[in-house]
């Protein structure tokens, strides 16, 4: 009964729905057939790139959907001009990712024909204006994506973004170094001199890390006084050690007026030179960090077996 109800709802709504899985259209409702002027039989289980190539006027429409399929990480919203073989239409399209728990299942595309709405408002949209509007929407999507990946206090990558970037990188590359860093005496300074002083410490340290590690690295804050860095393609272990020494010096250079507590850093690192995933690499670096903290702090240790 529940499945029948869902089917009636999907078949009865006025908005078009496409469900794309592995690049192929897996579901299309009657409204989408009507809007796109194509039957479900013409679209189902066929790679999307093969379906709408009849008319050159639909190049932008095709590209927007292909971008959504290939990106597969973010929602997109666009207004696009579409030619159905008889008439030009203006479509409002919104894409989103479908999940089953944490597993990505496919791309859901919602389509509304807004041609009549545009006419009623007396607005004449040419293709250039549509492109301009799409660019604005795309810039906004990029901005939202960046905001969702950024730690608000320091401007570094946040915990979730770091985990995603590092995991994806280590799936394809095994030459990297992972650092896990704790600031020593931070809690004492934060409790003694207040949260404003604590925030200043974190922001200063983040600025130092940006200068030490260039674009060839992921630098993130996991929360509190914990920072994580993935250094891509280090030439040798001495290079990894040199970076750790610079981090130690950076922590000592933190200065907050009126503060007498000296801030230092404890660093655990691992040279990822074999086929290990991010979780394993993090666990090894964290183990090295624990060793440093147990042996006086203000130092670094590169994990070795």
Protein backbone atom coordinates (compact mmCIF):
# COMPACT_ATOMS: atom_id res chain seq x y z
CA UNK A 1 0.00 0.00 0.00
CA UNK A 2 2.85 2.38 0.85
CA UNK A 3 4.53 1.75 -2.52
CA UNK A 4 1.23 2.29 -4.34
CA UNK A 5 0.70 5.55 -2.49
CA UNK A 6 4.20 6.73 -3.39
CA UNK A 7 3.62 5.82 -7.04
CA UNK A 8 0.30 7.71 -7.14
CA UNK A 9 1.94 10.79 -5.65
CA UNK A 10 4.88 10.71 -8.08
CA UNK A 11 2.60 10.12 -11.05
CA UNK A 12 0.13 12.77 -10.01
CA UNK A 13 2.29 15.80 -9.28
CA UNK A 14 2.75 18.52 -11.90
CA UNK A 15 6.51 18.77 -11.52
CA UNK A 16 8.78 16.56 -13.60
CA UNK A 17 11.02 14.06 -11.84
CA UNK A 18 14.07 12.28 -13.26
CA UNK A 19 16.10 9.84 -11.21
CA UNK A 20 19.57 9.16 -12.59
CA UNK A 21 21.67 6.29 -11.34
CA UNK A 22 25.14 5.50 -12.72
CA UNK A 23 24.57 8.02 -15.50
CA UNK A 24 21.34 6.39 -16.73
CA UNK A 25 17.76 7.52 -16.24
CA UNK A 26 16.27 5.04 -13.78
CA UNK A 27 12.86 6.67 -13.27
CA UNK A 28 10.76 9.31 -15.08
CA UNK A 29 7.29 10.44 -14.05
CA UNK A 30 4.47 11.43 -16.48
CA UNK A 31 4.99 15.16 -15.86
CA UNK A 32 8.63 14.88 -16.99
CA UNK A 33 7.52 13.02 -20.13
CA UNK A 34 5.14 15.87 -20.92
CA UNK A 35 7.62 18.66 -20.18
CA UNK A 36 10.48 17.08 -22.13
CA UNK A 37 8.22 15.75 -24.91
CA UNK A 38 9.77 12.30 -24.66
CA UNK A 39 8.22 9.05 -23.50
CA UNK A 40 9.54 7.00 -20.61
CA UNK A 41 10.36 4.24 -23.11
CA UNK A 42 12.70 6.64 -24.93
CA UNK A 43 14.53 7.57 -21.73
CA UNK A 44 14.62 4.69 -19.25
CA UNK A 45 17.90 2.78 -18.73
CA UNK A 46 19.71 4.84 -21.36
CA UNK A 47 22.82 6.93 -20.62
CA UNK A 48 21.66 10.49 -20.17
CA UNK A 49 24.21 11.87 -22.64
CA UNK A 50 22.54 9.90 -25.46
CA UNK A 51 18.96 11.05 -24.89
CA UNK A 52 18.85 14.80 -25.53
CA UNK A 53 21.30 15.25 -28.40
CA UNK A 54 18.65 15.70 -31.12
CA UNK A 55 18.86 19.49 -31.03
CA UNK A 56 21.90 21.74 -30.66
CA UNK A 57 19.68 24.22 -28.78
CA UNK A 58 19.75 21.84 -25.80
CA UNK A 59 23.54 21.92 -25.31
CA UNK A 60 23.25 24.01 -22.12
CA UNK A 61 20.49 21.78 -20.76
CA UNK A 62 22.64 18.69 -21.37
CA UNK A 63 25.74 20.25 -19.84
CA UNK A 64 23.96 21.32 -16.66
CA UNK A 65 22.66 17.80 -16.02
CA UNK A 66 26.00 16.19 -16.90
CA UNK A 67 27.76 18.58 -14.51
CA UNK A 68 25.38 17.53 -11.74
CA UNK A 69 26.02 13.84 -12.48
CA UNK A 70 29.79 14.28 -12.57
CA UNK A 71 29.97 16.57 -9.52
CA UNK A 72 27.81 14.23 -7.40
CA UNK A 73 28.63 16.18 -4.23
CA UNK A 74 26.40 19.23 -4.28
CA UNK A 75 22.90 20.38 -5.07
CA UNK A 76 22.48 22.62 -8.10
CA UNK A 77 19.70 24.98 -9.17
CA UNK A 78 19.42 26.41 -12.68
CA UNK A 79 17.06 28.01 -15.17
CA UNK A 80 17.66 26.68 -18.68
CA UNK A 81 16.18 27.10 -22.14
CA UNK A 82 14.97 23.83 -23.65
CA UNK A 83 13.70 22.89 -27.13
CA UNK A 84 11.29 19.93 -27.18
CA UNK A 85 11.18 19.59 -30.98
CA UNK A 86 8.25 21.97 -31.37
CA UNK A 87 8.56 24.75 -28.82
CA UNK A 88 11.16 26.53 -26.74
CA UNK A 89 10.54 26.30 -23.02
CA UNK A 90 12.10 27.73 -19.90
CA UNK A 91 12.72 25.09 -17.28
CA UNK A 92 13.57 25.51 -13.62
CA UNK A 93 15.79 22.58 -12.64
CA UNK A 94 17.01 21.51 -9.21
CA UNK A 95 19.34 18.59 -8.61
CA UNK A 96 20.05 16.80 -5.35
CA UNK A 97 21.76 13.63 -4.19
CA UNK A 98 19.70 10.68 -2.98
CA UNK A 99 21.07 8.71 -0.02
CA UNK A 100 20.33 5.37 1.57
CA UNK A 101 21.82 6.04 4.97
CA UNK A 102 25.36 7.21 4.21
CA UNK A 103 25.46 5.56 0.78
CA UNK A 104 24.93 7.73 -2.29
CA UNK A 105 22.26 6.21 -4.49
CA UNK A 106 21.81 8.59 -7.42
CA UNK A 107 20.83 12.04 -8.64
CA UNK A 108 17.28 13.37 -8.37
CA UNK A 109 16.34 16.11 -10.86
CA UNK A 110 13.18 18.17 -10.33
CA UNK A 111 11.88 20.03 -13.40
CA UNK A 112 9.23 22.74 -13.62
CA UNK A 113 8.09 24.36 -16.88
CA UNK A 114 8.08 28.09 -16.07
CA UNK A 115 7.47 29.31 -19.62
CA UNK A 116 3.93 30.51 -18.95
CA UNK A 117 4.97 32.12 -15.68
CA UNK A 118 7.60 34.12 -17.49
CA UNK A 119 5.07 35.19 -20.12
CA UNK A 120 2.53 36.21 -17.49
CA UNK A 121 5.09 38.43 -15.83
CA UNK A 122 5.87 40.01 -19.16
CA UNK A 123 9.52 39.06 -18.88
CA UNK A 124 11.39 38.24 -22.05
CA UNK A 125 14.39 36.13 -21.14
CA UNK A 126 16.92 35.62 -23.87
CA UNK A 127 19.56 32.94 -23.75
CA UNK A 128 22.24 35.34 -22.53
CA UNK A 129 20.17 36.35 -19.55
CA UNK A 130 19.53 32.71 -18.74
CA UNK A 131 23.28 32.09 -18.83
CA UNK A 132 23.91 35.10 -16.59
CA UNK A 133 21.37 33.84 -14.08
CA UNK A 134 22.89 30.37 -14.18
CA UNK A 135 26.32 31.83 -13.50
CA UNK A 136 24.96 33.67 -10.48
CA UNK A 137 23.35 30.49 -9.17
CA UNK A 138 26.54 28.52 -9.77
CA UNK A 139 28.63 31.13 -7.94
CA UNK A 140 26.19 30.95 -5.04
CA UNK A 141 26.42 27.14 -5.04
CA UNK A 142 30.22 27.37 -4.89
CA UNK A 143 30.01 29.89 -2.07
CA UNK A 144 27.66 27.68 -0.08
CA UNK A 145 29.92 24.68 -0.70
CA UNK A 146 32.94 26.60 0.56
CA UNK A 147 31.07 27.80 3.63
CA UNK A 148 30.00 24.23 4.41
CA UNK A 149 33.65 23.11 4.29
CA UNK A 150 35.19 25.93 6.33
CA UNK A 151 35.85 26.29 10.04
CA UNK A 152 34.22 29.63 10.87
CA UNK A 153 36.78 30.76 13.45
CA UNK A 154 40.05 30.04 11.63
CA UNK A 155 39.03 29.83 7.97
CA UNK A 156 40.71 26.42 7.68
CA UNK A 157 38.93 23.31 6.47
CA UNK A 158 36.52 21.88 9.03
CA UNK A 159 36.57 18.31 10.35
CA UNK A 160 34.12 16.86 7.84
CA UNK A 161 35.80 18.49 4.82
CA UNK A 162 39.26 17.34 5.99
CA UNK A 163 38.06 13.78 6.39
CA UNK A 164 36.49 13.77 2.92
CA UNK A 165 39.45 15.41 1.14
CA UNK A 166 42.05 13.25 2.89
CA UNK A 167 40.10 10.02 2.36
CA UNK A 168 39.62 10.76 -1.35
CA UNK A 169 43.26 11.72 -1.82
CA UNK A 170 44.63 8.60 -0.09
CA UNK A 171 42.41 6.36 -2.23
CA UNK A 172 44.48 7.39 -5.26
CA UNK A 173 47.83 8.52 -3.83
CA UNK A 174 50.08 6.87 -1.28
CA UNK A 175 52.82 9.49 -1.01
CA UNK A 176 51.72 11.81 1.77
CA UNK A 177 52.30 12.75 5.38
CA UNK A 178 49.53 13.20 7.92
CA UNK A 179 50.02 15.40 11.00
CA UNK A 180 47.77 15.51 14.06
CA UNK A 181 48.48 18.51 16.31
CA UNK A 182 47.38 19.54 19.79
CA UNK A 183 48.24 22.93 21.31
CA UNK A 184 49.76 22.44 24.76
CA UNK A 185 48.40 24.62 27.61
CA UNK A 186 45.61 25.98 25.41
CA UNK A 187 42.84 25.01 27.84
CA UNK A 188 44.72 26.65 30.71
CA UNK A 189 45.16 29.86 28.69
CA UNK A 190 41.53 29.82 27.55
CA UNK A 191 40.24 29.29 31.10
CA UNK A 192 42.59 31.90 32.60
CA UNK A 193 42.38 34.71 30.03
CA UNK A 194 38.98 34.06 28.49
CA UNK A 195 37.55 32.84 25.21
CA UNK A 196 38.64 35.94 23.31
CA UNK A 197 42.27 35.16 24.10
CA UNK A 198 41.64 31.52 23.20
CA UNK A 199 40.16 32.52 19.84
CA UNK A 200 43.17 34.77 19.17
CA UNK A 201 45.53 31.86 19.85
CA UNK A 202 43.68 29.58 17.45
CA UNK A 203 43.51 32.18 14.67
CA UNK A 204 47.20 33.08 15.00
CA UNK A 205 48.21 29.43 14.89
CA UNK A 206 46.00 28.85 11.83
CA UNK A 207 47.70 31.77 10.06
CA UNK A 208 51.12 30.27 10.83
CA UNK A 209 50.04 26.91 9.42
CA UNK A 210 48.89 28.55 6.17
CA UNK A 211 52.36 30.05 5.74
CA UNK A 212 54.15 26.78 6.49
CA UNK A 213 52.00 24.65 4.18
CA UNK A 214 51.25 25.81 0.64
CA UNK A 215 48.51 24.85 -1.80
CA UNK A 216 49.94 21.34 -1.93
CA UNK A 217 48.41 20.54 1.45
CA UNK A 218 45.08 20.21 3.23
CA UNK A 219 45.05 22.15 6.51
CA UNK A 220 42.12 21.79 8.87
CA UNK A 221 40.86 22.31 12.39
CA UNK A 222 39.03 19.40 13.99
CA UNK A 223 37.66 21.50 16.84
CA UNK A 224 39.07 22.84 20.11
CA UNK A 225 42.86 23.00 19.84
CA UNK A 226 43.24 20.01 17.49
CA UNK A 227 44.52 20.54 13.96
CA UNK A 228 45.13 18.06 11.14
CA UNK A 229 47.31 18.49 8.05
CA UNK A 230 47.80 16.31 5.00
CA UNK A 231 51.05 17.09 3.16
CA UNK A 232 51.00 15.80 -0.41
CA UNK A 233 54.05 14.22 -2.05
CA UNK A 234 56.78 14.93 0.54
CA UNK A 235 60.19 14.19 -1.06
CA UNK A 236 61.56 12.37 2.01
CA UNK A 237 61.17 11.93 5.76
CA UNK A 238 63.58 14.79 6.51
CA UNK A 239 61.16 17.13 4.73
CA UNK A 240 58.32 15.84 6.94
CA UNK A 241 60.45 16.45 10.04
CA UNK A 242 61.40 19.97 8.92
CA UNK A 243 57.73 20.87 8.57
CA UNK A 244 57.04 19.51 12.07
CA UNK A 245 59.87 21.65 13.50
CA UNK A 246 58.37 24.73 11.86
CA UNK A 247 55.00 23.92 13.44
CA UNK A 248 56.67 23.67 16.87
CA UNK A 249 58.33 27.06 16.37
CA UNK A 250 55.07 28.59 15.16
CA UNK A 251 53.30 27.55 18.37
CA UNK A 252 56.04 29.19 20.45
CA UNK A 253 55.63 32.40 18.43
CA UNK A 254 51.98 32.80 19.46
CA UNK A 255 51.67 36.03 21.41
CA UNK A 256 48.66 37.45 23.21
CA UNK A 257 49.20 40.68 25.11
CA UNK A 258 49.12 40.18 28.86
CA UNK A 259 49.28 36.38 28.63
CA UNK A 260 52.08 34.72 30.60
CA UNK A 261 51.27 31.11 29.69
CA UNK A 262 53.58 29.75 26.97
CA UNK A 263 51.82 27.89 24.19
CA UNK A 264 53.62 24.92 22.63
CA UNK A 265 52.54 22.09 20.35
CA UNK A 266 52.54 18.31 20.41
CA UNK A 267 52.64 16.64 17.01
CA UNK A 268 52.09 13.09 15.84
CA UNK A 269 52.79 12.29 12.19
CA UNK A 270 52.85 9.35 9.84
CA UNK A 271 54.59 8.93 6.50
CA UNK A 272 51.94 7.35 4.29
CA UNK A 273 54.08 5.32 1.93
CA UNK A 274 52.02 2.14 1.76
CA UNK A 275 48.42 1.32 0.89
CA UNK A 276 46.63 2.52 4.03
CA UNK A 277 43.36 4.40 4.14
CA UNK A 278 42.69 7.69 5.91
CA UNK A 279 41.29 6.09 9.08
CA UNK A 280 44.41 3.95 9.49
CA UNK A 281 46.76 6.86 8.78
CA UNK A 282 44.94 9.05 11.31
CA UNK A 283 45.08 6.30 13.96
CA UNK A 284 48.87 5.93 13.50
CA UNK A 285 49.50 9.68 13.64
CA UNK A 286 47.27 9.92 16.72
CA UNK A 287 49.25 7.13 18.35
CA UNK A 288 52.47 9.08 17.72
CA UNK A 289 50.81 12.19 19.21
CA UNK A 290 49.87 10.25 22.33
CA UNK A 291 53.52 9.19 22.69
CA UNK A 292 54.65 12.84 22.55
CA UNK A 293 52.09 13.93 25.14
CA UNK A 294 53.12 11.10 27.44
CA UNK A 295 56.78 12.15 27.16
CA UNK A 296 56.69 15.84 28.03
CA UNK A 297 54.86 17.43 25.06
CA UNK A 298 56.38 20.29 22.97
CA UNK A 299 57.82 17.84 20.46
CA UNK A 300 56.94 15.70 17.46
CA UNK A 301 57.07 12.01 16.68
CA UNK A 302 56.79 10.33 13.29
CA UNK A 303 55.15 6.94 13.69
CA UNK A 304 57.34 3.94 12.97
CA UNK A 305 56.64 0.28 13.55
